[in-house]
Amino acid sequence: MEFGRVTPGELMEVDGQYIYYSLNTTVMDEVLRWIMQFKK
């Protein structure tokens, strides 16, 4: 990604996607841990 030509709107979109992905992976991590408890 070239930050030289990125507009503030595009930057916000990328930042929002990053937050969305990190939230998603955190949720998936919790769900996996929760499932593993029952497999014991």
PDB file of N, CA and C in Angstrom:
ATOM      1  N   MET A   1       0.839  -1.203   0.000  1.00  0.00           N
ATOM      2  CA  MET A   1       0.000   0.000   0.000  1.00  0.00           C
ATOM      3  C   MET A   1       0.875   1.255   0.000  1.00  0.00           C
ATOM      4  N   GLU A   2       0.528   2.209  -0.865  1.00  0.00           N
ATOM      5  CA  GLU A   2       1.292   3.449  -0.940  1.00  0.00           C
ATOM      6  C   GLU A   2       0.569   4.539  -0.160  1.00  0.00           C
ATOM      7  N   PHE A   3       1.140   4.971   0.944  1.00  0.00           N
ATOM      8  CA  PHE A   3       0.486   5.996   1.749  1.00  0.00           C
ATOM      9  C   PHE A   3       0.597   7.383   1.134  1.00  0.00           C
ATOM     10  N   GLY A   4       1.484   7.523   0.150  1.00  0.00           N
ATOM     11  CA  GLY A   4       1.647   8.820  -0.490  1.00  0.00           C
ATOM     12  C   GLY A   4       0.384   9.278  -1.212  1.00  0.00           C
ATOM     13  N   ARG A   5      -0.370   8.332  -1.764  1.00  0.00           N
ATOM     14  CA  ARG A   5      -1.550   8.688  -2.568  1.00  0.00           C
ATOM     15  C   ARG A   5      -2.865   8.313  -1.881  1.00  0.00           C
ATOM     16  N   VAL A   6      -2.794   7.904  -0.630  1.00  0.00           N
ATOM     17  CA  VAL A   6      -4.007   7.471   0.072  1.00  0.00           C
ATOM     18  C   VAL A   6      -4.748   8.679   0.638  1.00  0.00           C
ATOM     19  N   THR A   7      -6.047   8.751   0.384  1.00  0.00           N
ATOM     20  CA  THR A   7      -6.867   9.830   0.931  1.00  0.00           C
ATOM     21  C   THR A   7      -7.324   9.428   2.336  1.00  0.00           C
ATOM     22  N   PRO A   8      -7.681  10.398   3.173  1.00  0.00           N
ATOM     23  CA  PRO A   8      -8.148  10.081   4.531  1.00  0.00           C
ATOM     24  C   PRO A   8      -9.313   9.086   4.541  1.00  0.00           C
ATOM     25  N   GLY A   9     -10.181   9.172   3.556  1.00  0.00           N
ATOM     26  CA  GLY A   9     -11.312   8.242   3.480  1.00  0.00           C
ATOM     27  C   GLY A   9     -10.845   6.812   3.279  1.00  0.00           C
ATOM     28  N   GLU A  10      -9.884   6.618   2.404  1.00  0.00           N
ATOM     29  CA  GLU A  10      -9.344   5.276   2.153  1.00  0.00           C
ATOM     30  C   GLU A  10      -8.647   4.750   3.403  1.00  0.00           C
ATOM     31  N   LEU A  11      -7.925   5.629   4.076  1.00  0.00           N
ATOM     32  CA  LEU A  11      -7.202   5.237   5.272  1.00  0.00           C
ATOM     33  C   LEU A  11      -8.184   4.765   6.345  1.00  0.00           C
ATOM     34  N   MET A  12      -9.296   5.478   6.497  1.00  0.00           N
ATOM     35  CA  MET A  12     -10.321   5.087   7.465  1.00  0.00           C
ATOM     36  C   MET A  12     -10.882   3.719   7.123  1.00  0.00           C
ATOM     37  N   GLU A  13     -11.081   3.474   5.839  1.00  0.00           N
ATOM     38  CA  GLU A  13     -11.630   2.194   5.394  1.00  0.00           C
ATOM     39  C   GLU A  13     -10.677   1.060   5.743  1.00  0.00           C
ATOM     40  N   VAL A  14      -9.398   1.261   5.485  1.00  0.00           N
ATOM     41  CA  VAL A  14      -8.382   0.248   5.800  1.00  0.00           C
ATOM     42  C   VAL A  14      -8.327   0.031   7.308  1.00  0.00           C
ATOM     43  N   ASP A  15      -8.361   1.113   8.070  1.00  0.00           N
ATOM     44  CA  ASP A  15      -8.304   1.026   9.522  1.00  0.00           C
ATOM     45  C   ASP A  15      -9.523   0.275  10.054  1.00  0.00           C
ATOM     46  N   GLY A  16     -10.680   0.554   9.492  1.00  0.00           N
ATOM     47  CA  GLY A  16     -11.903  -0.126   9.900  1.00  0.00           C
ATOM     48  C   GLY A  16     -11.835  -1.613   9.608  1.00  0.00           C
ATOM     49  N   GLN A  17     -11.286  -1.972   8.450  1.00  0.00           N
ATOM     50  CA  GLN A  17     -11.140  -3.387   8.097  1.00  0.00           C
ATOM     51  C   GLN A  17     -10.195  -4.077   9.062  1.00  0.00           C
ATOM     52  N   TYR A  18      -9.119  -3.397   9.447  1.00  0.00           N
ATOM     53  CA  TYR A  18      -8.148  -3.975  10.383  1.00  0.00           C
ATOM     54  C   TYR A  18      -8.813  -4.251  11.731  1.00  0.00           C
ATOM     55  N   ILE A  19      -9.586  -3.274  12.214  1.00  0.00           N
ATOM     56  CA  ILE A  19     -10.299  -3.442  13.485  1.00  0.00           C
ATOM     57  C   ILE A  19     -11.278  -4.602  13.371  1.00  0.00           C
ATOM     58  N   TYR A  20     -11.998  -4.666  12.239  1.00  0.00           N
ATOM     59  CA  TYR A  20     -12.971  -5.738  12.008  1.00  0.00           C
ATOM     60  C   TYR A  20     -12.287  -7.103  12.018  1.00  0.00           C
ATOM     61  N   TYR A  21     -11.159  -7.199  11.347  1.00  0.00           N
ATOM     62  CA  TYR A  21     -10.439  -8.482  11.293  1.00  0.00           C
ATOM     63  C   TYR A  21      -9.901  -8.880  12.663  1.00  0.00           C
ATOM     64  N   SER A  22      -9.348  -7.922  13.417  1.00  0.00           N
ATOM     65  CA  SER A  22      -8.811  -8.254  14.736  1.00  0.00           C
ATOM     66  C   SER A  22      -9.935  -8.668  15.682  1.00  0.00           C
ATOM     67  N   LEU A  23     -11.095  -8.012  15.572  1.00  0.00           N
ATOM     68  CA  LEU A  23     -12.240  -8.423  16.392  1.00  0.00           C
ATOM     69  C   LEU A  23     -12.666  -9.834  16.021  1.00  0.00           C
ATOM     70  N   ASN A  24     -12.722 -10.091  14.719  1.00  0.00           N
ATOM     71  CA  ASN A  24     -13.131 -11.405  14.230  1.00  0.00           C
ATOM     72  C   ASN A  24     -12.215 -12.513  14.734  1.00  0.00           C
ATOM     73  N   THR A  25     -10.913 -12.306  14.653  1.00  0.00           N
ATOM     74  CA  THR A  25      -9.976 -13.333  15.087  1.00  0.00           C
ATOM     75  C   THR A  25     -10.061 -13.533  16.595  1.00  0.00           C
ATOM     76  N   THR A  26     -10.318 -12.458  17.333  1.00  0.00           N
ATOM     77  CA  THR A  26     -10.460 -12.578  18.787  1.00  0.00           C
ATOM     78  C   THR A  26     -11.677 -13.419  19.118  1.00  0.00           C
ATOM     79  N   VAL A  27     -12.778 -13.168  18.437  1.00  0.00           N
ATOM     80  CA  VAL A  27     -14.005 -13.932  18.656  1.00  0.00           C
ATOM     81  C   VAL A  27     -13.776 -15.395  18.304  1.00  0.00           C
ATOM     82  N   MET A  28     -13.132 -15.651  17.166  1.00  0.00           N
ATOM     83  CA  MET A  28     -12.849 -17.028  16.749  1.00  0.00           C
ATOM     84  C   MET A  28     -11.986 -17.732  17.789  1.00  0.00           C
ATOM     85  N   ASP A  29     -11.010 -17.024  18.333  1.00  0.00           N
ATOM     86  CA  ASP A  29     -10.125 -17.585  19.348  1.00  0.00           C
ATOM     87  C   ASP A  29     -10.917 -18.002  20.581  1.00  0.00           C
ATOM     88  N   GLU A  30     -11.831 -17.140  21.014  1.00  0.00           N
ATOM     89  CA  GLU A  30     -12.667 -17.441  22.179  1.00  0.00           C
ATOM     90  C   GLU A  30     -13.549 -18.650  21.914  1.00  0.00           C
ATOM     91  N   VAL A  31     -14.155 -18.690  20.739  1.00  0.00           N
ATOM     92  CA  VAL A  31     -15.048 -19.801  20.379  1.00  0.00           C
ATOM     93  C   VAL A  31     -14.274 -21.115  20.357  1.00  0.00           C
ATOM     94  N   LEU A  32     -13.086 -21.099  19.747  1.00  0.00           N
ATOM     95  CA  LEU A  32     -12.268 -22.315  19.686  1.00  0.00           C
ATOM     96  C   LEU A  32     -11.893 -22.790  21.085  1.00  0.00           C
ATOM     97  N   ARG A  33     -11.518 -21.855  21.956  1.00  0.00           N
ATOM     98  CA  ARG A  33     -11.144 -22.210  23.314  1.00  0.00           C
ATOM     99  C   ARG A  33     -12.335 -22.815  24.057  1.00  0.00           C
ATOM    100  N   TRP A  34     -13.508 -22.227  23.817  1.00  0.00           N
ATOM    101  CA  TRP A  34     -14.753 -22.684  24.435  1.00  0.00           C
ATOM    102  C   TRP A  34     -15.078 -24.115  23.991  1.00  0.00           C
ATOM    103  N   ILE A  35     -14.909 -24.381  22.681  1.00  0.00           N
ATOM    104  CA  ILE A  35     -15.175 -25.722  22.138  1.00  0.00           C
ATOM    105  C   ILE A  35     -14.191 -26.730  22.724  1.00  0.00           C
ATOM    106  N   MET A  36     -12.924 -26.347  22.840  1.00  0.00           N
ATOM    107  CA  MET A  36     -11.903 -27.255  23.359  1.00  0.00           C
ATOM    108  C   MET A  36     -12.208 -27.692  24.791  1.00  0.00           C
ATOM    109  N   GLN A  37     -12.849 -26.833  25.565  1.00  0.00           N
ATOM    110  CA  GLN A  37     -13.212 -27.182  26.944  1.00  0.00           C
ATOM    111  C   GLN A  37     -14.125 -28.403  26.974  1.00  0.00           C
ATOM    112  N   PHE A  38     -15.064 -28.441  26.039  1.00  0.00           N
ATOM    113  CA  PHE A  38     -16.018 -29.550  26.011  1.00  0.00           C
ATOM    114  C   PHE A  38     -15.435 -30.840  25.456  1.00  0.00           C
ATOM    115  N   LYS A  39     -14.317 -30.717  24.722  1.00  0.00           N
ATOM    116  CA  LYS A  39     -13.705 -31.928  24.137  1.00  0.00           C
ATOM    117  C   LYS A  39     -12.844 -32.671  25.149  1.00  0.00           C
ATOM    118  N   LYS A  40     -12.567 -32.029  26.289  1.00  0.00           N
ATOM    119  CA  LYS A  40     -11.716 -32.668  27.299  1.00  0.00           C
ATOM    120  C   LYS A  40     -12.461 -33.822  27.964  1.00  0.00           C
TER     121      LYS A  40
END
